[in-house]
Protein backbone atom coordinates (compact mmCIF):
# COMPACT_ATOMS: atom_id res chain seq x y z
CA MET A 1 4.18 3.52 32.87
CA ASP A 2 1.25 3.85 30.45
CA ALA A 3 3.30 6.30 28.41
CA ASN A 4 6.19 3.86 28.27
CA MET A 5 3.89 1.07 27.08
CA LYS A 6 2.45 3.30 24.36
CA SER A 7 5.92 4.29 23.27
CA SER A 8 6.95 0.63 23.06
CA GLU A 9 3.84 -0.28 21.07
CA ARG A 10 4.38 2.63 18.71
CA SER A 11 7.98 1.58 18.18
CA VAL A 12 6.86 -1.93 17.27
CA ALA A 13 4.12 -0.58 14.99
CA GLY A 14 6.49 1.76 13.24
CA GLY A 15 9.24 -0.83 13.00
CA SER A 16 12.00 1.73 13.65
CA GLY A 17 14.83 2.11 16.11
CA SER A 18 15.93 5.06 18.23
CA ALA A 19 17.90 6.79 15.49
CA PRO A 20 15.11 6.68 12.89
CA ARG A 21 12.63 7.72 15.55
CA SER A 22 14.78 10.75 16.39
CA LEU A 23 14.73 11.64 12.72
CA MET A 24 10.93 11.52 12.67
CA MET A 25 10.76 13.57 15.88
CA ARG A 26 12.91 16.26 14.26
CA LEU A 27 10.54 16.18 11.30
CA GLY A 28 7.63 16.88 13.62
CA ASP A 29 9.52 19.76 15.25
CA THR A 30 10.32 21.24 11.85
CA TYR A 31 6.72 21.24 10.72
CA ALA A 32 5.49 22.43 14.08
CA ARG A 33 7.62 25.56 13.60
CA SER A 34 6.54 26.10 10.00
CA ASP A 35 2.92 25.33 10.78
CA SER A 36 2.31 28.74 12.30
CA ARG A 37 3.37 30.43 9.07
CA HIS A 38 1.36 28.27 6.67
CA LEU A 39 -1.71 27.17 8.63
CA ARG A 40 -2.27 29.92 11.19
CA GLY A 41 -5.95 30.64 11.45
CA ALA A 42 -6.97 27.59 9.43
CA PRO A 43 -10.22 25.91 10.45
CA ALA A 44 -10.24 22.82 12.64
CA SER A 45 -11.18 20.69 9.65
CA VAL A 46 -7.66 21.21 8.33
CA ALA A 47 -6.38 18.53 10.65
CA THR A 48 -8.76 15.84 9.50
CA CYS A 49 -9.80 16.74 5.95
CA PRO A 50 -9.68 13.38 4.16
CA ILE A 51 -8.91 14.20 0.58
CA SER A 52 -8.50 17.92 0.03
CA ALA A 53 -5.69 20.34 0.71
CA ALA A 54 -6.27 22.57 3.69
CA GLY A 55 -7.36 26.03 2.76
CA GLY A 56 -6.75 25.52 -0.95
CA GLY A 57 -4.38 28.49 -1.21
CA PRO A 58 -1.05 28.30 -3.05
CA GLY A 59 0.91 28.66 0.18
CA ASN A 60 -0.96 25.84 1.92
CA GLN A 61 -0.72 23.60 -1.14
CA ALA A 62 3.03 24.18 -1.35
CA HIS A 63 3.34 23.41 2.36
CA ILE A 64 1.37 20.16 1.97
CA ALA A 65 3.35 19.14 -1.12
CA SER A 66 6.57 19.74 0.81
CA LEU A 67 5.24 17.69 3.74
CA ILE A 68 4.29 14.78 1.46
CA TRP A 69 7.76 14.73 -0.12
CA THR A 70 9.47 14.98 3.27
CA LEU A 71 7.41 12.12 4.72
CA ILE A 72 8.15 9.89 1.73
CA ARG A 73 11.87 10.67 1.88
CA THR A 74 12.00 10.24 5.66
CA ASP A 75 10.08 6.94 5.63
CA PHE A 76 12.52 5.62 3.04
CA LYS A 77 15.52 6.62 5.19
CA VAL A 78 13.92 5.26 8.36
CA ARG A 79 13.17 1.88 6.85
CA TYR A 80 16.69 1.23 5.56
CA HIS A 81 18.62 3.09 8.26
CA GLY A 82 21.68 1.11 9.36
CA THR A 83 21.27 -1.68 6.79
CA LEU A 84 23.98 -2.73 4.37
CA GLY A 85 21.65 -4.02 1.67
CA GLY A 86 19.27 -1.07 1.89
CA PHE A 87 16.56 -1.09 -0.76
CA VAL A 88 17.78 -4.43 -2.13
CA TRP A 89 16.14 -6.20 0.81
CA ALA A 90 12.71 -5.02 -0.31
CA LEU A 91 13.24 -6.79 -3.64
CA LEU A 92 14.83 -9.94 -2.20
CA LYS A 93 11.80 -10.92 -0.12
CA PRO A 94 9.36 -11.59 -3.01
CA VAL A 95 12.19 -13.00 -5.14
CA SER A 96 13.15 -15.50 -2.43
CA VAL A 97 9.49 -16.52 -1.99
CA PHE A 98 9.28 -16.91 -5.77
CA VAL A 99 12.27 -19.27 -5.80
CA VAL A 100 10.85 -21.43 -3.02
CA LEU A 101 7.34 -21.61 -4.48
CA LEU A 102 8.64 -22.25 -7.98
CA THR A 103 10.81 -25.11 -6.69
CA VAL A 104 7.86 -26.66 -4.89
CA PHE A 105 5.07 -26.17 -7.43
CA SER A 106 6.87 -26.09 -10.79
CA LEU A 107 6.51 -29.85 -11.27
CA ILE A 108 2.76 -29.56 -10.69
CA PHE A 109 1.72 -26.44 -12.58
CA VAL A 110 4.38 -25.66 -15.20
CA PRO A 111 3.36 -28.50 -17.57
CA ALA A 112 -0.25 -27.26 -17.48
CA ASP A 113 0.50 -23.52 -17.68
CA PRO A 114 3.38 -22.30 -19.90
CA HIS A 115 3.10 -18.83 -18.32
CA TYR A 116 3.33 -20.16 -14.76
CA ARG A 117 6.77 -18.72 -13.93
CA PRO A 118 6.12 -15.11 -15.03
CA ASN A 119 2.58 -15.28 -13.65
CA LEU A 120 3.95 -16.37 -10.29
CA ILE A 121 6.52 -13.57 -9.99
CA LEU A 122 4.01 -10.95 -11.15
CA GLY A 123 1.40 -12.19 -8.68
CA LEU A 124 3.91 -12.23 -5.83
CA PHE A 125 5.01 -8.64 -6.37
CA LEU A 126 1.44 -7.35 -6.66
CA TRP A 127 0.47 -9.29 -3.56
CA GLU A 128 3.52 -8.07 -1.66
CA PHE A 129 2.52 -4.50 -2.47
CA PHE A 130 -1.02 -5.11 -1.21
CA ALA A 131 0.06 -6.91 1.97
CA GLU A 132 2.84 -4.50 2.91
CA GLY A 133 0.87 -1.39 1.97
CA THR A 134 -2.15 -2.31 4.07
CA LYS A 135 0.00 -3.44 7.00
CA LEU A 136 1.90 -0.15 7.12
CA GLY A 137 -1.21 1.89 6.43
CA LEU A 138 -3.07 0.25 9.29
CA VAL A 139 -0.56 1.42 11.92
CA SER A 140 0.45 4.67 10.19
CA LEU A 141 -1.45 7.13 12.41
CA PHE A 142 -0.53 5.31 15.60
CA ALA A 143 3.13 4.97 14.62
CA LYS A 144 3.39 8.70 13.89
CA GLY A 145 1.28 9.90 16.79
CA TYR A 146 4.10 12.15 18.02
CA LEU A 147 4.04 13.92 14.64
CA LEU A 148 0.28 14.40 14.67
CA THR A 149 0.34 16.13 18.05
CA LYS A 150 2.94 18.72 17.00
CA THR A 151 1.32 20.31 13.97
CA ARG A 152 -1.93 20.65 12.06
CA PHE A 153 -2.23 19.22 8.57
CA PRO A 154 -4.57 16.82 6.74
CA ARG A 155 -4.10 13.50 8.54
CA TRP A 156 -4.75 11.46 5.40
CA ILE A 157 -1.28 12.50 4.22
CA VAL A 158 0.29 10.27 6.88
CA VAL A 159 -1.77 7.29 5.71
CA ALA A 160 -1.15 7.88 2.00
CA THR A 161 2.60 8.35 2.35
CA SER A 162 2.92 5.26 4.54
CA THR A 163 2.52 3.19 1.35
CA SER A 164 5.38 4.99 -0.42
CA ASN A 165 8.05 2.34 0.27
CA ALA A 166 5.83 -0.44 -1.06
CA LEU A 167 4.97 1.75 -4.05
CA ILE A 168 8.64 2.38 -4.82
CA THR A 169 9.33 -1.36 -4.71
CA LEU A 170 6.43 -1.99 -7.10
CA LEU A 171 7.70 0.72 -9.44
CA VAL A 172 11.18 -0.81 -9.56
CA PHE A 173 9.69 -4.24 -10.26
CA THR A 174 7.46 -2.81 -13.00
CA ILE A 175 10.47 -1.31 -14.77
CA ALA A 176 12.38 -4.59 -14.39
CA ILE A 177 9.58 -6.78 -15.75
CA LEU A 178 8.98 -4.43 -18.70
CA LEU A 179 12.68 -4.49 -19.54
CA TYR A 180 12.62 -8.29 -19.39
CA LEU A 181 9.57 -8.49 -21.67
CA GLY A 182 11.26 -6.14 -24.12
CA TRP A 183 14.41 -8.27 -24.05
CA VAL A 184 12.52 -11.48 -24.88
CA GLY A 185 10.43 -9.76 -27.55
CA ARG A 186 7.11 -9.79 -25.66
CA PHE A 187 6.77 -6.11 -24.78
CA PRO A 188 3.05 -5.20 -24.53
CA ASN A 189 1.44 -2.80 -26.96
CA ALA A 190 0.27 0.64 -25.83
CA THR A 191 -3.25 -0.50 -24.91
CA ARG A 192 -2.12 -3.42 -22.78
CA LEU A 193 0.62 -1.34 -21.15
CA LEU A 194 -1.83 1.40 -20.17
CA LEU A 195 -4.23 -1.20 -18.81
CA PHE A 196 -1.46 -2.77 -16.72
CA ILE A 197 -0.50 0.62 -15.28
CA GLY A 198 -4.19 1.23 -14.61
CA TYR A 199 -4.45 -2.04 -12.68
CA GLU A 200 -1.47 -1.05 -10.55
CA ILE A 201 -3.14 2.29 -9.80
CA GLU A 202 -6.34 0.48 -8.87
CA MET A 203 -4.37 -1.78 -6.53
CA TRP A 204 -2.93 1.33 -4.86
CA MET A 205 -6.44 2.78 -4.52
CA ILE A 206 -7.59 -0.46 -2.88
CA VAL A 207 -4.64 -0.35 -0.48
CA LEU A 208 -5.39 3.29 0.31
CA GLY A 209 -9.07 2.55 0.94
CA PHE A 210 -8.28 -0.26 3.38
CA SER A 211 -5.55 1.82 5.04
CA LEU A 212 -7.74 4.91 5.52
CA SER A 213 -10.49 2.95 7.23
CA MET A 214 -8.25 0.77 9.41
CA SER A 215 -5.76 3.48 10.44
CA VAL A 216 -8.38 5.45 12.38
CA LEU A 217 -9.80 2.33 14.02
CA TYR A 218 -6.49 0.77 15.07
CA PRO A 219 -5.65 3.26 17.89
CA ARG A 220 -8.89 2.22 19.58
CA TYR A 221 -9.00 -1.46 18.58
CA ARG A 222 -5.44 -2.80 18.85
CA ASP A 223 -6.52 -6.35 17.96
CA LEU A 224 -7.20 -5.11 14.44
CA ASN A 225 -3.52 -5.52 13.58
CA HIS A 226 -3.55 -9.23 14.45
CA LEU A 227 -6.91 -9.74 12.78
CA TRP A 228 -5.67 -8.21 9.53
CA ASP A 229 -2.50 -10.35 9.66
CA ALA A 230 -4.69 -13.45 9.82
CA ILE A 231 -6.91 -12.21 6.98
CA SER A 232 -3.87 -11.40 4.83
CA GLN A 233 -2.32 -14.82 5.38
CA ALA A 234 -5.58 -16.50 4.40
CA GLY A 235 -5.99 -14.09 1.49
CA PHE A 236 -2.65 -15.13 0.02
CA PHE A 237 -4.14 -18.56 -0.69
CA VAL A 238 -7.53 -17.19 -1.74
CA ALA A 239 -5.94 -15.10 -4.48
CA PRO A 240 -4.66 -17.28 -7.36
CA ILE A 241 -1.00 -16.49 -6.81
CA VAL A 242 0.54 -19.93 -6.31
CA PHE A 243 -1.98 -21.84 -8.42
CA PRO A 244 -3.54 -21.03 -11.81
CA ILE A 245 -7.18 -20.09 -11.38
CA GLN A 246 -8.05 -22.34 -14.32
CA ILE A 247 -7.49 -25.48 -12.24
CA LEU A 248 -10.55 -24.63 -10.14
CA PRO A 249 -14.14 -25.16 -11.33
CA GLU A 250 -15.57 -22.04 -12.98
CA SER A 251 -18.39 -22.06 -10.44
CA LEU A 252 -15.83 -21.04 -7.77
CA HIS A 253 -14.26 -18.18 -9.74
CA PRO A 254 -16.86 -15.52 -8.76
CA TYR A 255 -16.16 -16.19 -5.07
CA LEU A 256 -12.41 -15.76 -5.57
CA TYR A 257 -13.01 -12.48 -7.38
CA LEU A 258 -14.77 -11.10 -4.29
CA TRP A 259 -11.32 -10.80 -2.69
CA PRO A 260 -10.13 -7.41 -4.09
CA PRO A 261 -6.54 -8.39 -5.04
CA THR A 262 -7.76 -11.31 -7.17
CA PRO A 263 -9.15 -9.40 -10.18
CA VAL A 264 -6.20 -7.00 -10.20
CA ILE A 265 -3.67 -9.84 -10.26
CA GLU A 266 -5.59 -11.85 -12.86
CA PHE A 267 -6.21 -8.89 -15.18
CA ALA A 268 -2.58 -7.76 -14.92
CA ARG A 269 -1.45 -11.25 -15.89
CA GLN A 270 -3.79 -11.30 -18.88
CA VAL A 271 -2.62 -8.02 -20.39
CA LEU A 272 1.08 -8.41 -19.57
CA MET A 273 1.83 -12.13 -19.86
CA GLN A 274 -0.97 -13.72 -21.88
CA GLY A 275 -1.52 -10.94 -24.41
CA THR A 276 -5.29 -10.76 -23.89
CA ILE A 277 -7.54 -7.97 -22.65
CA PRO A 278 -10.34 -8.52 -20.10
CA SER A 279 -13.83 -7.58 -21.22
CA LEU A 280 -15.18 -4.07 -20.81
CA GLU A 281 -17.73 -5.34 -18.31
CA ALA A 282 -15.00 -6.94 -16.19
CA ASN A 283 -12.92 -3.75 -16.22
CA LEU A 284 -15.91 -1.63 -15.24
CA LEU A 285 -16.77 -3.98 -12.37
CA LEU A 286 -13.19 -3.78 -11.10
CA LEU A 287 -13.23 0.01 -11.32
CA LEU A 288 -16.55 0.15 -9.47
CA ALA A 289 -15.26 -2.14 -6.71
CA THR A 290 -12.06 -0.09 -6.41
CA LEU A 291 -13.91 3.21 -6.13
CA SER A 292 -16.32 1.68 -3.60
CA ILE A 293 -13.47 0.51 -1.36
CA LEU A 294 -11.78 3.89 -1.57
CA ALA A 295 -15.07 5.73 -0.89
CA VAL A 296 -15.76 3.58 2.20
CA GLY A 297 -12.24 4.28 3.44
CA ILE A 298 -12.69 8.04 2.99
CA VAL A 299 -16.04 8.02 4.80
CA VAL A 300 -14.74 5.98 7.74
CA PHE A 301 -11.61 8.13 7.97
CA HIS A 302 -13.57 11.37 7.87
CA ARG A 303 -15.92 10.10 10.58
CA HIS A 304 -13.31 8.83 13.05
CA ALA A 305 -10.18 10.90 12.36
CA PRO A 306 -11.22 13.85 14.62
CA ARG A 307 -11.24 11.52 17.64
CA ALA A 308 -8.31 9.30 16.68
CA ALA A 309 -5.80 11.50 18.53
CA GLU A 310 -7.56 10.75 21.81
CA HIS A 311 -6.32 7.14 21.63
CA LEU A 312 -2.75 7.77 20.47
């Protein structure tokens, strides 16, 4: 009975049906068979090494690269298995939210902020990437527990690749928004474009840091999923997505910037929509905060990953 309950919870966490689950099971069988060829005799740390390829040899690196690509491809197929709209649904969610919010708040904020519409859609897509990436990353190890028990490989790969669908959606949006800016004659120069791409990378690093730390704690503390849902819902209104940050007193701005998505969203808006560049000090502080979050995630993952399988 306990096994059936765990299977049900894992199905809910992974958000997949029987057919996609069978696909993932076959993936685990495939790598279990190839594992003996690539990782035979590898040390125990191979299974839990947080950020380095096991063994470091060309054969192991090729095996890990193949595993990463297979997990990304399989997660994409699993998510949109049996749907008619497929990948379009991933884009429709933030677009539909944008339409609703714009209808409600346009009369309030548009007269005061001429960039409100593009700022809103940009903020929504960046937030959607953060919210979806951390949600999937949190349950990634638990959802793929059957894969972890079949073969030995660095477990961080499962966490990192769990954000691939959200990353693909963000990439498609980035291309679309750049094409739009080019069409209206507001395409950013090279410096601002590189900064924008850098902010997106920093957002991914923040997502990865949160995901690494929470993924190894979730199998033991199942309430973490509900707690993070509540934090994310509150965080949506803490980050200046719906409202321009300028409407708040400047004395409150430092507190809003403590929430990691806030500086990424604001800086991305400045370089892409407003044509300005944040100060060097502000960029360095964001980079320091990003690296700190990622470092904490790596440390927590490295500490708890060896025992995570006991709770799967």
